[in-house]
Amino acid sequence: MKLLVISDIHSNIWALDKILDTEKNFDLLCCAGDLVDYGTAPGQVVDCMRQYSSNVLVQGNHDLHAVEIWKQDQYRDVVPEKFKWVHHNCQRLDEDRIHYLEQLPLRVTFEADGYVYMIQHQFDNAYGLVESRHQFDEFWKQHAEPEYKNSKKRRMIFGHTHRQCIHVLDQDMLWLNPGSASYRRPDDPDKTAHYAVVENGEIQLRRVSYDRSHCLEEAIKLNQVHGMMKTELQDFFFFFGDAETSRDPLPLEPEK
């Protein structure tokens, strides 16, 4: 059995399409959340993922944030100095797509190739990690469905940190993060789309290059009209452009 494991797509349909085009044949798609925000094509990403409704998809914190902003109608008439990508995304979503994001489960437990997997977007409310067997056991006891409480071969899947890794705690006890399909943390200059494949129980961390210019184009347009919060644009020029850091001066910044 082949599992395609992705996370943190962040409205980047071009990265998602590239991954799906590269890994055409898989049995189960597992997505650890954050379909939207901090990208430019939220509707396209939601529509794409809805095609895999029979697979394993969970809600991320950015998905929930977008839902809350949209439902509270806080994305209209935002001044440029406070306009963020979440507002940009909400303007491009509708009630149907918001409902889809809202109804995604927080976690799912499932079996594949003799292993029991639990998938959830993040371990805690910040950027904490499962560092010990005790943490793993306690988390499993608290959140696993009753029929899986005493499983011996256990694996957990998290997203959120955008850091691709396999963290082995013991034989048949590990957690993995496929990394972000869209972008890295500011201390990691890698510009590829990250994901993982689990085939017959064997985990492979993979990455693929894609055309990042589509995301950058929107940031360029907003920068030219001074239409978004400066730091939000700086992030994009780093993640999707050639800026050396996430706080480089904005190019072609209009005179004030």
Protein backbone atom coordinates (compact mmCIF):
# COMPACT_ATOMS: atom_id res chain seq x y z
CA MET A 1 0.00 0.00 0.00
CA LYS A 2 1.25 3.48 -0.83
CA LEU A 3 0.42 6.49 1.34
CA LEU A 4 1.06 10.00 0.03
CA VAL A 5 1.57 12.24 3.07
CA ILE A 6 1.40 16.03 2.71
CA SER A 7 0.81 19.00 4.97
CA ASP A 8 0.78 22.79 5.10
CA ILE A 9 -0.26 23.45 1.50
CA HIS A 10 -1.11 27.05 2.36
CA SER A 11 -3.12 27.95 -0.75
CA ASN A 12 -0.25 26.94 -3.03
CA ILE A 13 -2.00 25.04 -5.82
CA TRP A 14 1.15 24.98 -7.97
CA ALA A 15 3.15 23.08 -5.36
CA LEU A 16 0.20 20.75 -4.70
CA ASP A 17 -0.32 20.04 -8.39
CA LYS A 18 3.38 19.27 -8.81
CA ILE A 19 3.35 16.76 -5.96
CA LEU A 20 0.21 15.06 -7.26
CA ASP A 21 1.66 14.96 -10.77
CA THR A 22 4.90 13.46 -9.47
CA GLU A 23 3.17 10.82 -7.32
CA LYS A 24 0.32 9.81 -9.60
CA ASN A 25 -0.26 6.34 -8.18
CA PHE A 26 -1.08 6.12 -4.49
CA ASP A 27 -3.71 4.32 -2.44
CA LEU A 28 -4.37 6.86 0.30
CA LEU A 29 -3.78 10.60 0.56
CA CYS A 30 -3.01 11.82 4.08
CA CYS A 31 -3.03 15.58 4.69
CA ALA A 32 -2.08 17.00 8.09
CA GLY A 33 -3.88 20.30 7.63
CA ASP A 34 -3.33 23.97 6.77
CA LEU A 35 -4.85 23.91 3.32
CA VAL A 36 -5.18 27.71 3.23
CA ASP A 37 -3.64 31.03 4.29
CA TYR A 38 -0.19 32.36 3.39
CA GLY A 39 -0.72 31.56 -0.28
CA THR A 40 -2.68 32.95 -3.18
CA ALA A 41 -5.04 30.21 -4.44
CA PRO A 42 -7.20 29.01 -1.52
CA GLY A 43 -10.26 28.11 -3.59
CA GLN A 44 -8.27 25.96 -6.02
CA VAL A 45 -6.57 24.09 -3.17
CA VAL A 46 -9.86 23.43 -1.36
CA ASP A 47 -11.50 22.22 -4.58
CA CYS A 48 -8.56 19.94 -5.31
CA MET A 49 -8.56 18.39 -1.85
CA ARG A 50 -12.30 17.86 -1.88
CA GLN A 51 -11.72 15.31 -4.63
CA TYR A 52 -10.02 13.15 -1.98
CA SER A 53 -12.87 13.22 0.54
CA SER A 54 -12.60 9.46 1.11
CA ASN A 55 -8.98 9.84 2.20
CA VAL A 56 -7.48 11.18 5.46
CA LEU A 57 -7.62 14.97 5.84
CA VAL A 58 -7.50 16.97 9.08
CA GLN A 59 -7.90 20.62 9.99
CA GLY A 60 -4.94 22.92 10.65
CA ASN A 61 -4.72 26.07 12.75
CA HIS A 62 -4.60 28.29 9.65
CA ASP A 63 -7.72 26.59 8.30
CA LEU A 64 -9.55 27.36 11.54
CA HIS A 65 -8.20 30.92 11.57
CA ALA A 66 -9.50 31.55 8.05
CA VAL A 67 -12.89 30.13 9.02
CA GLU A 68 -13.11 32.45 12.04
CA ILE A 69 -12.05 35.55 10.10
CA TRP A 70 -14.54 34.76 7.32
CA LYS A 71 -17.47 34.00 9.64
CA GLN A 72 -16.86 37.15 11.68
CA ASP A 73 -16.69 39.18 8.47
CA GLN A 74 -13.31 40.61 9.46
CA TYR A 75 -11.75 40.53 5.99
CA ARG A 76 -13.59 43.44 4.40
CA ASP A 77 -12.30 47.02 4.26
CA VAL A 78 -9.02 46.18 6.01
CA VAL A 79 -6.50 49.01 5.71
CA PRO A 80 -3.33 48.06 3.78
CA GLU A 81 -1.12 48.38 6.88
CA LYS A 82 -3.13 45.57 8.52
CA PHE A 83 -4.08 43.56 5.42
CA LYS A 84 -2.71 40.00 5.67
CA TRP A 85 -2.77 36.89 3.50
CA VAL A 86 -5.62 35.50 5.60
CA HIS A 87 -7.76 38.50 4.57
CA HIS A 88 -6.65 38.00 0.96
CA ASN A 89 -7.68 34.32 1.21
CA CYS A 90 -11.06 35.04 2.78
CA GLN A 91 -11.89 37.39 -0.09
CA ARG A 92 -11.37 34.44 -2.43
CA LEU A 93 -13.35 31.86 -0.47
CA ASP A 94 -17.10 31.35 -0.23
CA GLU A 95 -19.54 29.81 2.23
CA ASP A 96 -19.29 26.34 0.71
CA ARG A 97 -15.50 26.19 0.88
CA ILE A 98 -15.47 27.69 4.38
CA HIS A 99 -17.89 24.98 5.50
CA TYR A 100 -15.57 22.34 4.05
CA LEU A 101 -12.62 23.69 6.07
CA GLU A 102 -14.75 24.00 9.19
CA GLN A 103 -15.97 20.39 9.11
CA LEU A 104 -12.52 18.81 8.75
CA PRO A 105 -11.72 16.64 11.80
CA LEU A 106 -8.93 17.57 14.21
CA ARG A 107 -7.45 14.06 14.11
CA VAL A 108 -7.99 10.69 12.46
CA THR A 109 -6.70 7.21 13.37
CA PHE A 110 -6.38 4.54 10.68
CA GLU A 111 -4.58 1.30 9.81
CA ALA A 112 -2.23 0.62 6.90
CA ASP A 113 0.18 -2.25 6.28
CA GLY A 114 0.13 -3.48 9.86
CA TYR A 115 0.69 -0.06 11.44
CA VAL A 116 -1.81 2.18 13.22
CA TYR A 117 -1.43 5.85 12.30
CA MET A 118 -2.77 8.88 14.10
CA ILE A 119 -2.72 12.11 12.11
CA GLN A 120 -3.17 15.54 13.65
CA HIS A 121 -1.93 18.97 12.58
CA GLN A 122 0.09 19.84 15.68
CA PHE A 123 1.15 18.19 18.92
CA ASP A 124 0.25 21.10 21.21
CA ASN A 125 -0.95 24.69 20.95
CA ALA A 126 2.49 25.98 19.98
CA TYR A 127 5.43 24.24 18.28
CA GLY A 128 6.07 21.48 20.80
CA LEU A 129 7.38 18.09 19.71
CA VAL A 130 7.02 14.54 21.00
CA GLU A 131 10.46 14.05 22.54
CA SER A 132 10.00 10.94 24.71
CA ARG A 133 8.28 7.56 24.72
CA HIS A 134 6.27 8.74 27.72
CA GLN A 135 4.92 11.75 25.80
CA PHE A 136 4.06 9.49 22.89
CA ASP A 137 2.25 6.97 25.13
CA GLU A 138 0.29 9.63 26.98
CA PHE A 139 -0.77 11.37 23.79
CA TRP A 140 -1.81 8.05 22.27
CA LYS A 141 -3.80 7.00 25.35
CA GLN A 142 -5.60 10.35 25.38
CA HIS A 143 -6.47 10.61 21.69
CA ALA A 144 -6.50 7.19 20.03
CA GLU A 145 -9.87 5.65 19.29
CA PRO A 146 -10.80 2.83 21.72
CA GLU A 147 -10.07 0.00 19.28
CA TYR A 148 -6.52 1.30 18.79
CA LYS A 149 -5.56 2.05 22.42
CA ASN A 150 -3.43 -1.10 22.79
CA SER A 151 -1.88 -1.15 19.33
CA LYS A 152 1.78 -2.22 19.26
CA LYS A 153 2.97 -0.76 15.95
CA ARG A 154 2.14 2.92 16.23
CA ARG A 155 3.01 5.96 14.15
CA MET A 156 1.88 9.57 14.38
CA ILE A 157 1.84 12.18 11.64
CA PHE A 158 2.10 15.89 12.38
CA GLY A 159 2.48 19.02 10.26
CA HIS A 160 2.58 22.63 11.50
CA THR A 161 6.35 23.14 11.99
CA HIS A 162 7.18 22.95 8.24
CA ARG A 163 10.21 20.86 9.21
CA GLN A 164 10.47 17.55 7.39
CA CYS A 165 11.61 14.73 9.67
CA ILE A 166 11.22 11.20 10.99
CA HIS A 167 11.54 11.07 14.80
CA VAL A 168 12.15 7.51 16.03
CA LEU A 169 11.46 6.95 19.73
CA ASP A 170 11.56 3.16 19.81
CA GLN A 171 10.98 0.19 17.58
CA ASP A 172 7.46 0.57 16.14
CA MET A 173 7.07 3.96 17.83
CA LEU A 174 7.76 7.03 15.72
CA TRP A 175 6.27 10.24 14.42
CA LEU A 176 6.88 11.91 11.11
CA ASN A 177 6.38 15.31 9.58
CA PRO A 178 6.22 15.44 5.75
CA GLY A 179 7.26 19.10 5.81
CA SER A 180 5.35 21.87 4.07
CA ALA A 181 4.21 21.45 0.49
CA SER A 182 4.66 25.20 0.14
CA TYR A 183 7.46 26.88 2.10
CA ARG A 184 10.08 26.54 4.84
CA ARG A 185 10.90 28.39 8.03
CA PRO A 186 13.08 31.52 7.65
CA ASP A 187 16.19 29.59 8.74
CA ASP A 188 15.83 27.07 5.90
CA PRO A 189 16.44 28.40 2.36
CA ASP A 190 15.13 25.26 0.61
CA LYS A 191 12.51 26.34 -1.95
CA THR A 192 11.15 22.93 -2.97
CA ALA A 193 7.81 21.33 -2.08
CA HIS A 194 8.21 18.76 0.71
CA TYR A 195 6.14 15.62 1.26
CA ALA A 196 6.51 11.97 2.27
CA VAL A 197 5.63 8.60 0.81
CA VAL A 198 5.00 5.50 2.92
CA GLU A 199 5.05 2.37 0.79
CA ASN A 200 4.53 -1.04 2.38
CA GLY A 201 5.46 0.56 5.70
CA GLU A 202 8.72 2.12 4.48
CA ILE A 203 8.90 5.91 4.93
CA GLN A 204 10.59 8.10 2.35
CA LEU A 205 10.93 11.86 2.73
CA ARG A 206 10.74 13.54 -0.67
CA ARG A 207 10.88 16.98 -2.23
CA VAL A 208 10.21 18.36 -5.70
CA SER A 209 10.87 21.67 -7.43
CA TYR A 210 7.95 23.64 -8.86
CA ASP A 211 7.22 27.03 -10.41
CA ARG A 212 7.13 29.49 -7.50
CA SER A 213 6.54 32.54 -9.68
CA HIS A 214 2.74 32.33 -9.48
CA CYS A 215 2.74 33.01 -5.74
CA LEU A 216 5.31 35.77 -6.14
CA GLU A 217 3.29 37.54 -8.85
CA GLU A 218 0.51 38.43 -6.42
CA ALA A 219 3.00 39.78 -3.88
CA ILE A 220 4.64 41.91 -6.57
CA LYS A 221 1.29 43.43 -7.53
CA LEU A 222 0.37 44.18 -3.92
CA ASN A 223 3.79 45.67 -3.25
CA GLN A 224 3.49 48.01 -6.24
CA VAL A 225 0.30 49.54 -4.82
CA HIS A 226 1.38 49.28 -1.16
CA GLY A 227 -1.64 47.05 -0.61
CA MET A 228 -0.54 44.71 2.18
CA MET A 229 1.29 44.63 5.50
CA LYS A 230 5.02 44.95 4.83
CA THR A 231 6.13 41.86 6.75
CA GLU A 232 3.59 39.66 4.94
CA LEU A 233 5.06 40.75 1.60
CA GLN A 234 8.61 40.32 2.81
CA ASP A 235 7.83 36.72 3.70
CA PHE A 236 6.64 36.08 0.15
CA PHE A 237 9.68 37.66 -1.49
CA PHE A 238 11.79 35.28 0.60
CA PHE A 239 9.71 32.11 0.33
CA PHE A 240 8.83 32.43 -3.35
CA GLY A 241 11.41 34.87 -4.67
CA ASP A 242 15.14 35.39 -4.28
CA ALA A 243 15.32 37.57 -1.18
CA GLU A 244 18.15 36.42 1.09
CA THR A 245 16.14 36.77 4.29
CA SER A 246 12.49 37.12 5.23
CA ARG A 247 13.10 40.75 6.23
CA ASP A 248 14.99 42.04 3.19
CA PRO A 249 13.84 45.48 1.97
CA LEU A 250 10.96 45.16 -0.44
CA PRO A 251 11.92 45.59 -4.11
CA LEU A 252 10.28 48.33 -6.15
CA GLU A 253 8.66 49.68 -3.00
CA PRO A 254 6.56 52.73 -3.95
CA GLU A 255 7.57 56.10 -2.66
CA LYS A 256 5.52 57.39 0.27
